Structure formats: structure tokens, C-alpha cells
Amino acid sequence: MNNYETVFILTPVLSDAQMKEAVEKIKGILVAESAEIVNEENWGLRKLAYPIEKKTTGFYQLIEFKANPKTIAVLETQFRRDERVIRFLTFRQDKFALDYAGKRRNLKASKESGKEN
């Protein structure tokens, strides 16, 4: 099993419930394909670098997971079929990206625990 990271952008016309439902659908596909979800981050509504389908903003979502390479084909097929997804990028993490992702998660966790106190 390899480590992967996928970032996808959902169309900004979705309600909060519709956005969460779309993310749960993607996570459900990963779980059905026996992938292990390591981390999930909702980056929220952000401005796009350039207009896509006449939209200038989108909901960004990041998911880090461990899966077999065959899972990526299934996942990306689903991204292409889902009209709510306007862009996506999935890549295999090498050891340096994996170390960086772990440090980023630890830093984020320490900042959140600092806010609680």
C-alpha cells in the first residue's frame, strides 16, 4: 500500500450539507476500496487562481490515505463523473512528502491544543 494525497475543489454553489455529503461520498469510495484514511482537512471556500466554469471560488478539501494503486483509478473515475467536483489532483507521497505531511499535522494539532487552553 502506498501513501497518497488528494486535493479536490467542489463547486461554490453547494450548501454546507451538500458539500459534506460530497466529501462523505468520496471517503466512502476510499473505504469501499479498502483504503485507510490518515488525515482529512477542509480548507474551506477559497478564491481560485483563475476562473473554472465561470466560477472564481471553490470549496477545497484534502484527504491523505493509504491505498493500492488500483484504488486511484476508481477514485479519479468518480471525480470525473461527479459534477460537483470542478478540479482534483491525486499524487503518491514519497518519503519527503510523507515526512512533511506528518510535521504539518503535528504542528496543526499543537496549535489546536494551544487554543483549547
N, C-alpha and C. Protein backbone atom coordinates (compact mmCIF):
# COMPACT_ATOMS: atom_id res chain seq x y z
N MET A 1 0.84 -1.18 0.00
CA MET A 1 0.00 0.00 0.00
C MET A 1 0.88 1.24 0.00
N ASN A 2 0.52 2.18 -0.84
CA ASN A 2 1.25 3.44 -0.95
C ASN A 2 0.50 4.55 -0.22
N ASN A 3 1.22 5.61 0.11
CA ASN A 3 0.61 6.79 0.71
C ASN A 3 0.25 7.76 -0.40
N TYR A 4 -0.98 8.27 -0.35
CA TYR A 4 -1.47 9.20 -1.36
C TYR A 4 -2.06 10.42 -0.68
N GLU A 5 -2.13 11.48 -1.46
CA GLU A 5 -2.77 12.72 -1.01
C GLU A 5 -3.61 13.21 -2.18
N THR A 6 -4.85 13.54 -1.91
CA THR A 6 -5.71 14.07 -2.96
C THR A 6 -6.31 15.39 -2.48
N VAL A 7 -6.32 16.35 -3.37
CA VAL A 7 -6.96 17.64 -3.12
C VAL A 7 -8.00 17.81 -4.22
N PHE A 8 -9.22 18.13 -3.81
CA PHE A 8 -10.24 18.38 -4.82
C PHE A 8 -11.01 19.64 -4.47
N ILE A 9 -11.54 20.27 -5.51
CA ILE A 9 -12.28 21.52 -5.36
C ILE A 9 -13.73 21.27 -5.75
N LEU A 10 -14.62 21.62 -4.84
CA LEU A 10 -16.05 21.48 -5.09
C LEU A 10 -16.63 22.82 -5.51
N THR A 11 -17.66 22.77 -6.32
CA THR A 11 -18.28 23.99 -6.82
C THR A 11 -18.82 24.84 -5.66
N PRO A 12 -18.73 26.16 -5.74
CA PRO A 12 -19.13 27.02 -4.62
C PRO A 12 -20.63 27.19 -4.46
N VAL A 13 -21.44 26.69 -5.37
CA VAL A 13 -22.88 26.87 -5.26
C VAL A 13 -23.53 25.85 -4.33
N LEU A 14 -22.75 24.94 -3.76
CA LEU A 14 -23.28 23.92 -2.86
C LEU A 14 -23.57 24.50 -1.48
N SER A 15 -24.60 23.97 -0.84
CA SER A 15 -24.85 24.33 0.55
C SER A 15 -23.85 23.56 1.41
N ASP A 16 -23.80 23.90 2.69
CA ASP A 16 -22.88 23.24 3.60
C ASP A 16 -23.18 21.74 3.68
N ALA A 17 -24.45 21.38 3.73
CA ALA A 17 -24.85 19.97 3.81
C ALA A 17 -24.48 19.23 2.53
N GLN A 18 -24.68 19.86 1.39
CA GLN A 18 -24.34 19.23 0.11
C GLN A 18 -22.83 19.02 -0.01
N MET A 19 -22.06 19.98 0.48
CA MET A 19 -20.61 19.86 0.43
C MET A 19 -20.15 18.69 1.30
N LYS A 20 -20.68 18.59 2.50
CA LYS A 20 -20.31 17.49 3.40
C LYS A 20 -20.73 16.15 2.82
N GLU A 21 -21.87 16.11 2.16
CA GLU A 21 -22.35 14.87 1.54
C GLU A 21 -21.41 14.44 0.42
N ALA A 22 -20.93 15.38 -0.37
CA ALA A 22 -19.99 15.08 -1.46
C ALA A 22 -18.68 14.53 -0.91
N VAL A 23 -18.19 15.12 0.18
CA VAL A 23 -16.94 14.66 0.80
C VAL A 23 -17.13 13.25 1.37
N GLU A 24 -18.27 13.02 2.01
CA GLU A 24 -18.55 11.69 2.57
C GLU A 24 -18.64 10.64 1.48
N LYS A 25 -19.16 11.01 0.32
CA LYS A 25 -19.23 10.08 -0.80
C LYS A 25 -17.84 9.67 -1.25
N ILE A 26 -16.93 10.64 -1.34
CA ILE A 26 -15.55 10.34 -1.74
C ILE A 26 -14.87 9.47 -0.68
N LYS A 27 -15.07 9.79 0.58
CA LYS A 27 -14.50 8.98 1.65
C LYS A 27 -15.08 7.57 1.64
N GLY A 28 -16.36 7.46 1.32
CA GLY A 28 -17.00 6.15 1.23
C GLY A 28 -16.38 5.29 0.12
N ILE A 29 -16.03 5.91 -0.99
CA ILE A 29 -15.38 5.19 -2.08
C ILE A 29 -14.02 4.66 -1.61
N LEU A 30 -13.28 5.50 -0.89
CA LEU A 30 -11.98 5.07 -0.40
C LEU A 30 -12.11 3.90 0.58
N VAL A 31 -13.07 3.99 1.48
CA VAL A 31 -13.28 2.92 2.46
C VAL A 31 -13.72 1.64 1.75
N ALA A 32 -14.59 1.77 0.74
CA ALA A 32 -15.05 0.59 -0.01
C ALA A 32 -13.90 -0.08 -0.75
N GLU A 33 -12.89 0.67 -1.12
CA GLU A 33 -11.73 0.13 -1.82
C GLU A 33 -10.62 -0.29 -0.84
N SER A 34 -10.94 -0.40 0.44
CA SER A 34 -10.02 -0.83 1.50
C SER A 34 -8.87 0.13 1.72
N ALA A 35 -9.11 1.41 1.51
CA ALA A 35 -8.10 2.42 1.79
C ALA A 35 -8.20 2.85 3.25
N GLU A 36 -7.08 3.25 3.81
CA GLU A 36 -7.04 3.73 5.19
C GLU A 36 -6.85 5.25 5.15
N ILE A 37 -7.85 5.99 5.64
CA ILE A 37 -7.78 7.45 5.63
C ILE A 37 -6.91 7.88 6.81
N VAL A 38 -5.84 8.62 6.50
CA VAL A 38 -4.88 9.05 7.51
C VAL A 38 -5.24 10.43 8.05
N ASN A 39 -5.61 11.34 7.15
CA ASN A 39 -5.89 12.72 7.55
C ASN A 39 -6.90 13.31 6.58
N GLU A 40 -7.70 14.22 7.12
CA GLU A 40 -8.68 14.92 6.29
C GLU A 40 -8.71 16.37 6.74
N GLU A 41 -8.66 17.29 5.79
CA GLU A 41 -8.71 18.71 6.12
C GLU A 41 -9.67 19.41 5.19
N ASN A 42 -10.51 20.24 5.78
CA ASN A 42 -11.41 21.09 4.99
C ASN A 42 -10.78 22.47 4.99
N TRP A 43 -10.34 22.91 3.82
CA TRP A 43 -9.69 24.22 3.71
C TRP A 43 -10.69 25.34 3.49
N GLY A 44 -11.94 24.99 3.29
CA GLY A 44 -13.00 25.99 3.18
C GLY A 44 -13.09 26.62 1.80
N LEU A 45 -13.86 27.68 1.74
CA LEU A 45 -14.09 28.41 0.49
C LEU A 45 -12.91 29.32 0.21
N ARG A 46 -12.29 29.14 -0.95
CA ARG A 46 -11.12 29.93 -1.32
C ARG A 46 -11.27 30.45 -2.74
N LYS A 47 -10.55 31.52 -3.01
CA LYS A 47 -10.53 32.10 -4.36
C LYS A 47 -9.64 31.24 -5.25
N LEU A 48 -10.11 31.00 -6.47
CA LEU A 48 -9.34 30.23 -7.43
C LEU A 48 -8.31 31.12 -8.12
N ALA A 49 -7.23 30.54 -8.59
CA ALA A 49 -6.19 31.30 -9.28
C ALA A 49 -6.70 31.83 -10.62
N TYR A 50 -7.61 31.10 -11.22
CA TYR A 50 -8.21 31.51 -12.49
C TYR A 50 -9.63 30.94 -12.54
N PRO A 51 -10.53 31.55 -13.28
CA PRO A 51 -11.92 31.05 -13.33
C PRO A 51 -12.00 29.66 -13.95
N ILE A 52 -12.81 28.81 -13.32
CA ILE A 52 -13.08 27.48 -13.83
C ILE A 52 -14.60 27.38 -13.97
N GLU A 53 -15.07 27.10 -15.17
CA GLU A 53 -16.51 27.02 -15.45
C GLU A 53 -17.23 28.29 -14.98
N LYS A 54 -16.60 29.44 -15.21
CA LYS A 54 -17.11 30.75 -14.84
C LYS A 54 -17.29 30.94 -13.33
N LYS A 55 -16.57 30.15 -12.54
CA LYS A 55 -16.60 30.27 -11.08
C LYS A 55 -15.24 30.76 -10.62
N THR A 56 -15.24 31.65 -9.64
CA THR A 56 -13.97 32.21 -9.17
C THR A 56 -13.60 31.72 -7.76
N THR A 57 -14.49 30.95 -7.12
CA THR A 57 -14.21 30.39 -5.80
C THR A 57 -14.59 28.92 -5.79
N GLY A 58 -14.14 28.21 -4.76
CA GLY A 58 -14.47 26.79 -4.63
C GLY A 58 -14.14 26.30 -3.24
N PHE A 59 -14.78 25.20 -2.84
CA PHE A 59 -14.52 24.56 -1.55
C PHE A 59 -13.38 23.57 -1.73
N TYR A 60 -12.27 23.81 -1.03
CA TYR A 60 -11.10 22.93 -1.12
C TYR A 60 -11.16 21.87 -0.03
N GLN A 61 -10.77 20.64 -0.39
CA GLN A 61 -10.75 19.53 0.55
C GLN A 61 -9.49 18.71 0.31
N LEU A 62 -8.82 18.31 1.38
CA LEU A 62 -7.61 17.48 1.30
C LEU A 62 -7.87 16.18 2.04
N ILE A 63 -7.47 15.07 1.44
CA ILE A 63 -7.56 13.77 2.10
C ILE A 63 -6.24 13.05 1.88
N GLU A 64 -5.62 12.59 2.97
CA GLU A 64 -4.43 11.76 2.90
C GLU A 64 -4.85 10.34 3.24
N PHE A 65 -4.37 9.36 2.46
CA PHE A 65 -4.80 7.98 2.68
C PHE A 65 -3.75 7.00 2.19
N LYS A 66 -3.88 5.76 2.66
CA LYS A 66 -3.04 4.66 2.22
C LYS A 66 -3.93 3.73 1.41
N ALA A 67 -3.46 3.38 0.21
CA ALA A 67 -4.28 2.54 -0.66
C ALA A 67 -3.42 1.83 -1.70
N ASN A 68 -4.05 0.89 -2.38
CA ASN A 68 -3.41 0.22 -3.51
C ASN A 68 -3.53 1.11 -4.74
N PRO A 69 -2.62 0.97 -5.69
CA PRO A 69 -2.68 1.82 -6.90
C PRO A 69 -3.99 1.69 -7.68
N LYS A 70 -4.63 0.55 -7.64
CA LYS A 70 -5.90 0.36 -8.36
C LYS A 70 -6.99 1.27 -7.82
N THR A 71 -6.89 1.62 -6.55
CA THR A 71 -7.89 2.48 -5.92
C THR A 71 -7.90 3.86 -6.57
N ILE A 72 -6.75 4.33 -7.01
CA ILE A 72 -6.65 5.67 -7.59
C ILE A 72 -7.47 5.77 -8.87
N ALA A 73 -7.44 4.72 -9.67
CA ALA A 73 -8.23 4.72 -10.91
C ALA A 73 -9.72 4.82 -10.60
N VAL A 74 -10.18 4.09 -9.60
CA VAL A 74 -11.59 4.14 -9.20
C VAL A 74 -11.94 5.52 -8.67
N LEU A 75 -11.07 6.07 -7.82
CA LEU A 75 -11.31 7.39 -7.23
C LEU A 75 -11.37 8.48 -8.30
N GLU A 76 -10.42 8.49 -9.21
CA GLU A 76 -10.39 9.53 -10.23
C GLU A 76 -11.54 9.40 -11.22
N THR A 77 -11.98 8.18 -11.48
CA THR A 77 -13.18 8.00 -12.32
C THR A 77 -14.38 8.63 -11.65
N GLN A 78 -14.49 8.44 -10.35
CA GLN A 78 -15.61 9.04 -9.61
C GLN A 78 -15.52 10.56 -9.60
N PHE A 79 -14.31 11.11 -9.46
CA PHE A 79 -14.14 12.56 -9.53
C PHE A 79 -14.63 13.10 -10.87
N ARG A 80 -14.30 12.40 -11.95
CA ARG A 80 -14.71 12.86 -13.29
C ARG A 80 -16.22 12.77 -13.49
N ARG A 81 -16.85 11.81 -12.86
CA ARG A 81 -18.31 11.62 -13.01
C ARG A 81 -19.12 12.59 -12.15
N ASP A 82 -18.55 13.04 -11.06
CA ASP A 82 -19.28 13.89 -10.12
C ASP A 82 -19.23 15.34 -10.59
N GLU A 83 -20.38 15.90 -10.92
CA GLU A 83 -20.41 17.27 -11.44
C GLU A 83 -20.12 18.32 -10.38
N ARG A 84 -20.13 17.94 -9.11
CA ARG A 84 -19.82 18.88 -8.03
C ARG A 84 -18.32 19.14 -7.92
N VAL A 85 -17.49 18.23 -8.43
CA VAL A 85 -16.04 18.36 -8.38
C VAL A 85 -15.59 19.11 -9.64
N ILE A 86 -14.95 20.28 -9.45
CA ILE A 86 -14.50 21.04 -10.63
C ILE A 86 -13.02 20.83 -10.93
N ARG A 87 -12.22 20.44 -9.95
CA ARG A 87 -10.81 20.09 -10.17
C ARG A 87 -10.38 19.09 -9.10
N PHE A 88 -9.39 18.27 -9.43
CA PHE A 88 -8.82 17.34 -8.45
C PHE A 88 -7.38 17.03 -8.83
N LEU A 89 -6.61 16.65 -7.83
CA LEU A 89 -5.23 16.23 -8.04
C LEU A 89 -4.90 15.18 -6.99
N THR A 90 -4.43 14.02 -7.44
CA THR A 90 -4.03 12.95 -6.55
C THR A 90 -2.59 12.58 -6.88
N PHE A 91 -1.77 12.45 -5.85
CA PHE A 91 -0.40 12.03 -6.11
C PHE A 91 0.10 11.13 -4.98
N ARG A 92 1.07 10.29 -5.33
CA ARG A 92 1.69 9.38 -4.37
C ARG A 92 2.76 10.15 -3.61
N GLN A 93 2.73 10.04 -2.31
CA GLN A 93 3.70 10.75 -1.48
C GLN A 93 5.01 9.94 -1.41
N ASP A 94 6.12 10.62 -1.66
CA ASP A 94 7.41 9.97 -1.43
C ASP A 94 7.77 10.18 0.04
N LYS A 95 8.95 9.71 0.45
CA LYS A 95 9.29 9.78 1.87
C LYS A 95 9.40 11.23 2.37
N PHE A 96 9.80 12.15 1.50
CA PHE A 96 9.93 13.55 1.92
C PHE A 96 8.55 14.20 2.10
N ALA A 97 7.65 13.92 1.18
CA ALA A 97 6.28 14.45 1.30
C ALA A 97 5.59 13.85 2.50
N LEU A 98 5.86 12.58 2.78
CA LEU A 98 5.26 11.92 3.93
C LEU A 98 5.75 12.54 5.24
N ASP A 99 7.05 12.82 5.32
CA ASP A 99 7.61 13.49 6.50
C ASP A 99 7.02 14.88 6.68
N TYR A 100 6.92 15.63 5.58
CA TYR A 100 6.36 16.98 5.64
C TYR A 100 4.91 16.95 6.09
N ALA A 101 4.13 16.01 5.56
CA ALA A 101 2.72 15.91 5.94
C ALA A 101 2.57 15.59 7.43
N GLY A 102 3.44 14.71 7.94
CA GLY A 102 3.41 14.38 9.36
C GLY A 102 3.74 15.58 10.23
N LYS A 103 4.75 16.36 9.83
CA LYS A 103 5.12 17.56 10.57
C LYS A 103 3.99 18.59 10.54
N ARG A 104 3.35 18.73 9.38
CA ARG A 104 2.25 19.68 9.24
C ARG A 104 1.07 19.29 10.15
N ARG A 105 0.76 17.98 10.20
CA ARG A 105 -0.32 17.51 11.08
C ARG A 105 0.01 17.76 12.54
N ASN A 106 1.27 17.49 12.93
CA ASN A 106 1.68 17.71 14.32
C ASN A 106 1.62 19.19 14.69
N LEU A 107 2.06 20.06 13.79
CA LEU A 107 2.01 21.49 14.04
C LEU A 107 0.57 21.97 14.18
N LYS A 108 -0.29 21.48 13.31
CA LYS A 108 -1.71 21.85 13.37
C LYS A 108 -2.33 21.36 14.68
N ALA A 109 -1.99 20.14 15.10
CA ALA A 109 -2.53 19.59 16.35
C ALA A 109 -2.05 20.38 17.55
N SER A 110 -0.79 20.80 17.54
CA SER A 110 -0.26 21.57 18.66
C SER A 110 -0.89 22.96 18.73
N LYS A 111 -1.19 23.56 17.57
CA LYS A 111 -1.86 24.86 17.56
C LYS A 111 -3.28 24.75 18.08
N GLU A 112 -3.97 23.66 17.70
CA GLU A 112 -5.35 23.47 18.17
C GLU A 112 -5.40 23.19 19.65
N SER A 113 -4.44 22.43 20.17
CA SER A 113 -4.43 22.15 21.60
C SER A 113 -4.08 23.43 22.38
N GLY A 114 -3.28 24.30 21.79
CA GLY A 114 -2.94 25.56 22.43
C GLY A 114 -4.13 26.50 22.51
N LYS A 115 -5.03 26.44 21.54
CA LYS A 115 -6.23 27.29 21.54
C LYS A 115 -7.22 26.83 22.61
N GLU A 116 -7.24 25.52 22.90
CA GLU A 116 -8.19 24.99 23.88
C GLU A 116 -7.85 25.43 25.29
N ASN A 117 -6.58 25.64 25.57
CA ASN A 117 -6.16 26.01 26.94
C ASN A 117 -6.43 27.43 27.26
